[in-house]
N, C-alpha and C. Protein backbone atom coordinates (compact mmCIF):
# COMPACT_ATOMS: atom_id res chain seq x y z
N MET A 1 71.83 122.38 117.44
CA MET A 1 71.50 122.04 116.08
C MET A 1 72.16 120.71 115.73
N SER A 2 71.41 119.84 115.13
CA SER A 2 71.95 118.57 114.64
C SER A 2 72.14 118.70 113.14
N LEU A 3 73.21 118.07 112.64
CA LEU A 3 73.53 118.11 111.21
C LEU A 3 73.70 116.71 110.67
N SER A 4 73.43 116.53 109.39
CA SER A 4 73.66 115.24 108.76
C SER A 4 75.11 115.09 108.32
N ILE A 5 75.90 116.13 108.45
CA ILE A 5 77.32 116.06 108.06
C ILE A 5 78.08 115.28 109.11
N ARG A 6 78.60 114.10 108.72
CA ARG A 6 79.30 113.23 109.66
C ARG A 6 80.68 113.76 110.02
N ASN A 7 81.33 114.41 109.09
CA ASN A 7 82.70 114.86 109.31
C ASN A 7 82.71 116.23 109.97
N GLN A 8 82.98 116.23 111.29
CA GLN A 8 83.02 117.45 112.08
C GLN A 8 84.25 117.37 112.98
N ILE A 9 85.32 118.06 112.57
CA ILE A 9 86.57 117.96 113.31
C ILE A 9 86.88 119.30 113.96
N PRO A 10 87.12 119.30 115.28
CA PRO A 10 87.41 120.56 115.97
C PRO A 10 88.81 121.08 115.67
N GLY A 11 88.94 122.41 115.73
CA GLY A 11 90.23 123.04 115.51
C GLY A 11 90.19 124.50 115.91
N THR A 12 91.28 125.19 115.59
CA THR A 12 91.42 126.60 115.93
C THR A 12 91.92 127.36 114.70
N VAL A 13 91.29 128.49 114.41
CA VAL A 13 91.72 129.32 113.29
C VAL A 13 93.14 129.83 113.56
N THR A 14 94.02 129.68 112.55
CA THR A 14 95.39 130.20 112.68
C THR A 14 95.61 131.42 111.80
N ALA A 15 94.83 131.54 110.72
CA ALA A 15 95.01 132.69 109.82
C ALA A 15 93.78 132.87 108.95
N VAL A 16 93.48 134.13 108.65
CA VAL A 16 92.41 134.47 107.72
C VAL A 16 93.01 135.38 106.66
N THR A 17 92.84 134.99 105.39
CA THR A 17 93.33 135.81 104.28
C THR A 17 92.11 136.26 103.49
N PRO A 18 91.70 137.52 103.69
CA PRO A 18 90.50 138.01 103.00
C PRO A 18 90.78 138.40 101.55
N GLY A 19 89.77 138.19 100.72
CA GLY A 19 89.79 138.67 99.34
C GLY A 19 88.62 139.61 99.17
N GLU A 20 88.24 139.91 97.94
CA GLU A 20 87.12 140.83 97.71
C GLU A 20 85.78 140.20 98.09
N VAL A 21 85.61 138.90 97.79
CA VAL A 21 84.35 138.22 98.06
C VAL A 21 84.56 136.99 98.94
N MET A 22 85.66 136.29 98.71
CA MET A 22 85.97 135.06 99.43
C MET A 22 87.18 135.28 100.32
N ALA A 23 87.35 134.35 101.26
CA ALA A 23 88.52 134.37 102.12
C ALA A 23 88.99 132.94 102.30
N THR A 24 90.29 132.78 102.54
CA THR A 24 90.78 131.47 102.95
C THR A 24 91.03 131.53 104.45
N VAL A 25 90.65 130.46 105.11
CA VAL A 25 90.81 130.37 106.56
C VAL A 25 91.60 129.11 106.87
N LYS A 26 92.75 129.29 107.49
CA LYS A 26 93.56 128.13 107.88
C LYS A 26 93.17 127.74 109.30
N VAL A 27 93.01 126.43 109.49
CA VAL A 27 92.58 125.90 110.78
C VAL A 27 93.55 124.79 111.19
N ARG A 28 94.06 124.89 112.41
CA ARG A 28 94.86 123.81 112.96
C ARG A 28 93.90 122.88 113.69
N LEU A 29 93.77 121.66 113.18
CA LEU A 29 92.87 120.68 113.77
C LEU A 29 93.44 120.18 115.09
N THR A 30 92.58 119.62 115.92
CA THR A 30 92.99 119.15 117.24
C THR A 30 94.17 118.20 117.16
N GLY A 31 94.26 117.40 116.11
CA GLY A 31 95.36 116.45 115.96
C GLY A 31 96.64 117.06 115.45
N GLY A 32 96.63 118.37 115.13
CA GLY A 32 97.84 119.05 114.69
C GLY A 32 97.92 119.32 113.20
N GLN A 33 97.09 118.65 112.39
CA GLN A 33 97.11 118.90 110.95
C GLN A 33 96.50 120.27 110.66
N GLU A 34 96.82 120.79 109.48
CA GLU A 34 96.22 122.04 109.07
C GLU A 34 95.30 121.79 107.90
N ILE A 35 94.16 122.48 107.90
CA ILE A 35 93.20 122.39 106.81
C ILE A 35 92.81 123.81 106.42
N THR A 36 92.54 124.00 105.14
CA THR A 36 92.15 125.32 104.65
C THR A 36 90.71 125.28 104.16
N ALA A 37 89.94 126.28 104.56
CA ALA A 37 88.56 126.44 104.08
C ALA A 37 88.49 127.71 103.25
N ALA A 38 87.82 127.63 102.10
CA ALA A 38 87.56 128.82 101.29
C ALA A 38 86.07 129.14 101.46
N ILE A 39 85.80 130.23 102.18
CA ILE A 39 84.41 130.61 102.48
C ILE A 39 84.20 132.08 102.12
N THR A 40 82.97 132.50 102.12
CA THR A 40 82.70 133.89 101.77
C THR A 40 83.23 134.83 102.85
N LEU A 41 83.61 136.01 102.43
CA LEU A 41 84.07 137.03 103.36
C LEU A 41 82.94 137.39 104.33
N GLU A 42 81.72 137.39 103.82
CA GLU A 42 80.56 137.66 104.67
C GLU A 42 80.47 136.64 105.81
N SER A 43 80.73 135.37 105.52
CA SER A 43 80.71 134.34 106.56
C SER A 43 81.81 134.55 107.59
N VAL A 44 82.99 134.95 107.12
CA VAL A 44 84.09 135.23 108.04
C VAL A 44 83.66 136.31 109.03
N GLU A 45 83.05 137.35 108.50
CA GLU A 45 82.63 138.47 109.35
C GLU A 45 81.49 138.06 110.29
N GLU A 46 80.47 137.34 109.77
CA GLU A 46 79.33 136.93 110.59
C GLU A 46 79.74 135.99 111.71
N LEU A 47 80.71 135.11 111.44
CA LEU A 47 81.19 134.17 112.45
C LEU A 47 82.24 134.79 113.37
N GLY A 48 82.74 135.95 112.99
CA GLY A 48 83.76 136.61 113.80
C GLY A 48 85.07 135.84 113.81
N LEU A 49 85.44 135.28 112.66
CA LEU A 49 86.63 134.44 112.60
C LEU A 49 87.91 135.27 112.60
N THR A 50 88.76 135.00 113.57
CA THR A 50 90.09 135.59 113.67
C THR A 50 91.00 134.51 114.22
N ALA A 51 92.30 134.76 114.17
CA ALA A 51 93.25 133.79 114.74
C ALA A 51 92.86 133.52 116.19
N GLY A 52 92.79 132.24 116.54
CA GLY A 52 92.44 131.85 117.90
C GLY A 52 90.99 131.43 118.08
N THR A 53 90.13 131.67 117.08
CA THR A 53 88.72 131.29 117.18
C THR A 53 88.58 129.77 117.11
N ALA A 54 87.84 129.20 118.05
CA ALA A 54 87.56 127.76 118.04
C ALA A 54 86.47 127.49 117.00
N VAL A 55 86.71 126.50 116.14
CA VAL A 55 85.75 126.16 115.08
C VAL A 55 85.66 124.64 114.93
N ARG A 56 84.71 124.24 114.13
CA ARG A 56 84.61 122.86 113.66
C ARG A 56 84.67 122.92 112.15
N ALA A 57 85.53 122.09 111.57
CA ALA A 57 85.61 121.95 110.12
C ALA A 57 84.59 120.89 109.73
N LEU A 58 83.68 121.24 108.82
CA LEU A 58 82.60 120.36 108.40
C LEU A 58 82.78 119.99 106.93
N VAL A 59 82.71 118.70 106.64
CA VAL A 59 82.88 118.24 105.26
C VAL A 59 81.91 117.07 105.02
N LYS A 60 81.10 117.18 103.96
CA LYS A 60 80.22 116.07 103.60
C LYS A 60 81.07 114.87 103.17
N SER A 61 80.62 113.68 103.50
CA SER A 61 81.39 112.47 103.16
C SER A 61 81.57 112.29 101.66
N THR A 62 80.64 112.81 100.86
CA THR A 62 80.76 112.69 99.40
C THR A 62 81.85 113.60 98.85
N GLU A 63 82.38 114.51 99.66
CA GLU A 63 83.42 115.44 99.22
C GLU A 63 84.82 115.03 99.70
N VAL A 64 84.92 113.86 100.32
CA VAL A 64 86.21 113.35 100.78
C VAL A 64 86.66 112.25 99.83
N SER A 65 87.71 112.54 99.05
CA SER A 65 88.29 111.54 98.15
C SER A 65 89.42 110.84 98.89
N LEU A 66 89.79 109.66 98.43
CA LEU A 66 90.87 108.90 99.06
C LEU A 66 91.95 108.55 98.06
N ALA A 67 93.19 108.56 98.53
CA ALA A 67 94.34 108.13 97.74
C ALA A 67 95.17 107.21 98.63
N THR A 68 96.00 106.40 98.02
CA THR A 68 96.83 105.48 98.80
C THR A 68 98.17 106.11 99.18
N ALA A 69 98.41 107.35 98.73
CA ALA A 69 99.65 108.08 99.06
C ALA A 69 99.40 109.56 98.81
N PRO A 70 100.23 110.44 99.37
CA PRO A 70 100.08 111.87 99.07
C PRO A 70 100.12 112.09 97.56
N VAL A 71 99.34 113.05 97.09
CA VAL A 71 99.23 113.31 95.66
C VAL A 71 99.92 114.63 95.33
N GLN A 72 100.82 114.57 94.35
CA GLN A 72 101.53 115.76 93.89
C GLN A 72 100.87 116.24 92.59
N GLY A 73 101.05 117.51 92.27
CA GLY A 73 100.58 118.02 91.00
C GLY A 73 99.09 118.21 90.90
N VAL A 74 98.41 118.41 92.03
CA VAL A 74 96.98 118.70 92.02
C VAL A 74 96.73 119.96 92.85
N SER A 75 95.61 120.59 92.61
CA SER A 75 95.30 121.82 93.34
C SER A 75 94.73 121.56 94.73
N ILE A 76 94.43 120.32 95.05
CA ILE A 76 93.87 119.99 96.36
C ILE A 76 94.98 120.07 97.42
N ARG A 77 94.86 121.04 98.31
CA ARG A 77 95.88 121.26 99.33
C ARG A 77 95.58 120.52 100.63
N ASN A 78 94.32 120.23 100.89
CA ASN A 78 93.96 119.51 102.12
C ASN A 78 94.16 118.02 101.90
N GLN A 79 95.28 117.52 102.41
CA GLN A 79 95.61 116.11 102.29
C GLN A 79 95.95 115.60 103.69
N LEU A 80 95.02 114.86 104.27
CA LEU A 80 95.16 114.38 105.64
C LEU A 80 95.47 112.89 105.66
N PRO A 81 96.64 112.50 106.16
CA PRO A 81 96.96 111.08 106.24
C PRO A 81 96.14 110.40 107.33
N GLY A 82 95.81 109.14 107.08
CA GLY A 82 95.04 108.39 108.06
C GLY A 82 95.08 106.91 107.81
N THR A 83 94.28 106.19 108.59
CA THR A 83 94.22 104.73 108.51
C THR A 83 92.76 104.30 108.40
N VAL A 84 92.48 103.42 107.47
CA VAL A 84 91.12 102.90 107.30
C VAL A 84 90.75 102.08 108.54
N THR A 85 89.60 102.43 109.15
CA THR A 85 89.14 101.70 110.33
C THR A 85 87.93 100.83 110.03
N ASP A 86 87.20 101.14 108.93
CA ASP A 86 86.02 100.36 108.61
C ASP A 86 85.62 100.63 107.16
N ILE A 87 85.10 99.62 106.50
CA ILE A 87 84.57 99.76 105.15
C ILE A 87 83.23 99.04 105.08
N ALA A 88 82.21 99.74 104.62
CA ALA A 88 80.90 99.13 104.38
C ALA A 88 80.59 99.32 102.91
N THR A 89 80.36 98.20 102.21
CA THR A 89 80.09 98.30 100.78
C THR A 89 78.67 97.86 100.46
N GLY A 90 78.14 98.53 99.45
CA GLY A 90 76.82 98.17 98.93
C GLY A 90 76.97 97.81 97.47
N GLY A 91 75.87 97.81 96.75
CA GLY A 91 75.90 97.46 95.35
C GLY A 91 76.72 98.42 94.50
N ALA A 92 76.64 99.71 94.81
CA ALA A 92 77.32 100.71 94.00
C ALA A 92 78.32 101.56 94.78
N MET A 93 78.08 101.77 96.06
CA MET A 93 78.89 102.70 96.85
C MET A 93 79.55 102.01 98.05
N ALA A 94 80.57 102.70 98.57
CA ALA A 94 81.24 102.23 99.79
C ALA A 94 81.37 103.41 100.74
N SER A 95 81.23 103.13 102.01
CA SER A 95 81.47 104.12 103.06
C SER A 95 82.74 103.70 103.78
N VAL A 96 83.75 104.58 103.74
CA VAL A 96 85.06 104.24 104.31
C VAL A 96 85.34 105.18 105.47
N LYS A 97 85.55 104.62 106.66
CA LYS A 97 85.91 105.42 107.83
C LYS A 97 87.43 105.46 107.94
N VAL A 98 87.95 106.67 108.17
CA VAL A 98 89.39 106.89 108.22
C VAL A 98 89.74 107.61 109.51
N ALA A 99 90.60 107.00 110.33
CA ALA A 99 91.09 107.66 111.54
C ALA A 99 92.21 108.61 111.14
N VAL A 100 92.04 109.88 111.51
CA VAL A 100 93.09 110.89 111.31
C VAL A 100 93.44 111.44 112.68
N GLU A 101 94.59 112.06 112.80
CA GLU A 101 94.98 112.63 114.09
C GLU A 101 93.88 113.56 114.58
N GLY A 102 93.34 113.29 115.75
CA GLY A 102 92.34 114.17 116.34
C GLY A 102 90.91 113.91 115.93
N GLY A 103 90.65 112.85 115.16
CA GLY A 103 89.27 112.60 114.76
C GLY A 103 89.11 111.48 113.76
N GLU A 104 87.97 111.47 113.13
CA GLU A 104 87.66 110.45 112.14
C GLU A 104 86.92 111.12 110.98
N LEU A 105 87.21 110.67 109.78
CA LEU A 105 86.52 111.13 108.58
C LEU A 105 85.80 109.95 107.95
N THR A 106 84.68 110.24 107.31
CA THR A 106 83.98 109.24 106.52
C THR A 106 84.01 109.70 105.08
N SER A 107 84.34 108.78 104.18
CA SER A 107 84.38 109.06 102.75
C SER A 107 83.38 108.16 102.05
N ALA A 108 82.52 108.75 101.23
CA ALA A 108 81.59 107.98 100.40
C ALA A 108 82.17 107.94 98.99
N ILE A 109 82.61 106.76 98.58
CA ILE A 109 83.21 106.57 97.26
C ILE A 109 82.52 105.40 96.57
N THR A 110 82.77 105.23 95.29
CA THR A 110 82.15 104.10 94.61
C THR A 110 82.79 102.79 95.10
N ARG A 111 82.01 101.75 95.01
CA ARG A 111 82.53 100.43 95.39
C ARG A 111 83.71 100.06 94.49
N ASP A 112 83.63 100.41 93.19
CA ASP A 112 84.72 100.12 92.27
C ASP A 112 86.00 100.83 92.69
N ALA A 113 85.89 102.08 93.15
CA ALA A 113 87.08 102.82 93.60
C ALA A 113 87.70 102.15 94.81
N ALA A 114 86.87 101.73 95.76
CA ALA A 114 87.39 101.06 96.95
C ALA A 114 88.12 99.77 96.56
N THR A 115 87.56 99.04 95.61
CA THR A 115 88.19 97.81 95.14
C THR A 115 89.49 98.10 94.40
N ASP A 116 89.46 99.06 93.49
CA ASP A 116 90.65 99.42 92.71
C ASP A 116 91.79 99.90 93.60
N LEU A 117 91.47 100.61 94.68
CA LEU A 117 92.50 101.09 95.60
C LEU A 117 92.97 99.99 96.56
N GLY A 118 92.26 98.88 96.58
CA GLY A 118 92.64 97.78 97.47
C GLY A 118 92.45 98.13 98.93
N LEU A 119 91.41 98.90 99.23
CA LEU A 119 91.21 99.36 100.60
C LEU A 119 90.78 98.22 101.53
N THR A 120 91.46 98.13 102.64
CA THR A 120 91.14 97.16 103.68
C THR A 120 91.33 97.85 105.03
N THR A 121 90.74 97.30 106.06
CA THR A 121 90.93 97.84 107.40
C THR A 121 92.42 97.81 107.73
N GLY A 122 92.91 98.92 108.24
CA GLY A 122 94.33 99.05 108.58
C GLY A 122 95.18 99.67 107.49
N ALA A 123 94.62 99.84 106.28
CA ALA A 123 95.38 100.42 105.17
C ALA A 123 95.63 101.91 105.41
N SER A 124 96.81 102.36 105.00
CA SER A 124 97.13 103.79 105.07
C SER A 124 96.54 104.48 103.85
N VAL A 125 95.90 105.62 104.08
CA VAL A 125 95.31 106.40 103.00
C VAL A 125 95.55 107.88 103.27
N VAL A 126 95.25 108.68 102.27
CA VAL A 126 95.28 110.14 102.41
C VAL A 126 93.91 110.65 101.99
N ALA A 127 93.26 111.38 102.90
CA ALA A 127 91.97 112.00 102.59
C ALA A 127 92.22 113.32 101.88
N LEU A 128 91.60 113.49 100.72
CA LEU A 128 91.77 114.70 99.90
C LEU A 128 90.48 115.50 99.93
N ILE A 129 90.59 116.79 100.29
CA ILE A 129 89.40 117.63 100.41
C ILE A 129 89.70 119.01 99.82
N LYS A 130 88.94 119.42 98.81
CA LYS A 130 89.09 120.76 98.25
C LYS A 130 88.71 121.80 99.30
N SER A 131 89.42 122.90 99.35
CA SER A 131 89.14 123.93 100.35
C SER A 131 87.74 124.52 100.19
N THR A 132 87.22 124.51 98.98
CA THR A 132 85.87 125.05 98.76
C THR A 132 84.79 124.13 99.30
N GLU A 133 85.15 122.91 99.70
CA GLU A 133 84.19 121.95 100.25
C GLU A 133 84.24 121.88 101.76
N VAL A 134 85.05 122.73 102.39
CA VAL A 134 85.16 122.77 103.85
C VAL A 134 84.32 123.93 104.35
N SER A 135 83.36 123.63 105.21
CA SER A 135 82.57 124.67 105.86
C SER A 135 83.07 124.80 107.30
N LEU A 136 82.83 125.95 107.89
CA LEU A 136 83.26 126.17 109.27
C LEU A 136 82.08 126.56 110.14
N ALA A 137 82.09 126.07 111.36
CA ALA A 137 81.08 126.44 112.35
C ALA A 137 81.83 126.84 113.61
N THR A 138 81.33 127.86 114.27
CA THR A 138 81.97 128.23 115.52
C THR A 138 81.55 127.24 116.59
N ALA A 139 82.48 126.94 117.45
CA ALA A 139 82.26 125.90 118.47
C ALA A 139 81.46 126.43 119.64
């Protein structure tokens, strides 16, 4: 199956915390970072997710926000440090590629945001991703 989702980072499930309808799934990415996905309990069961399951964390580029430093006082727990490797800007939007340990993320942000953050190739950034925006696929 081919997907239009550019952000596909391999990892391994380290923990599953089930709730009544949803579950949180912690994944250790190939580069060593940890990311949390909030998915339905039904999906956890259908995918057979348990500690040790190989998965891919999938995130649409429009759901990856960028900051110039770790952010405190927000509910976003997935904060992956990285380095800007490429920026393509258009009239309204910018596509920013960020190298993170074990892979690469693409973030689609407004051109104004890229300018305001002073993003350039080589700049250090933190990719922010809400757990509800992380999907999982078995590898």
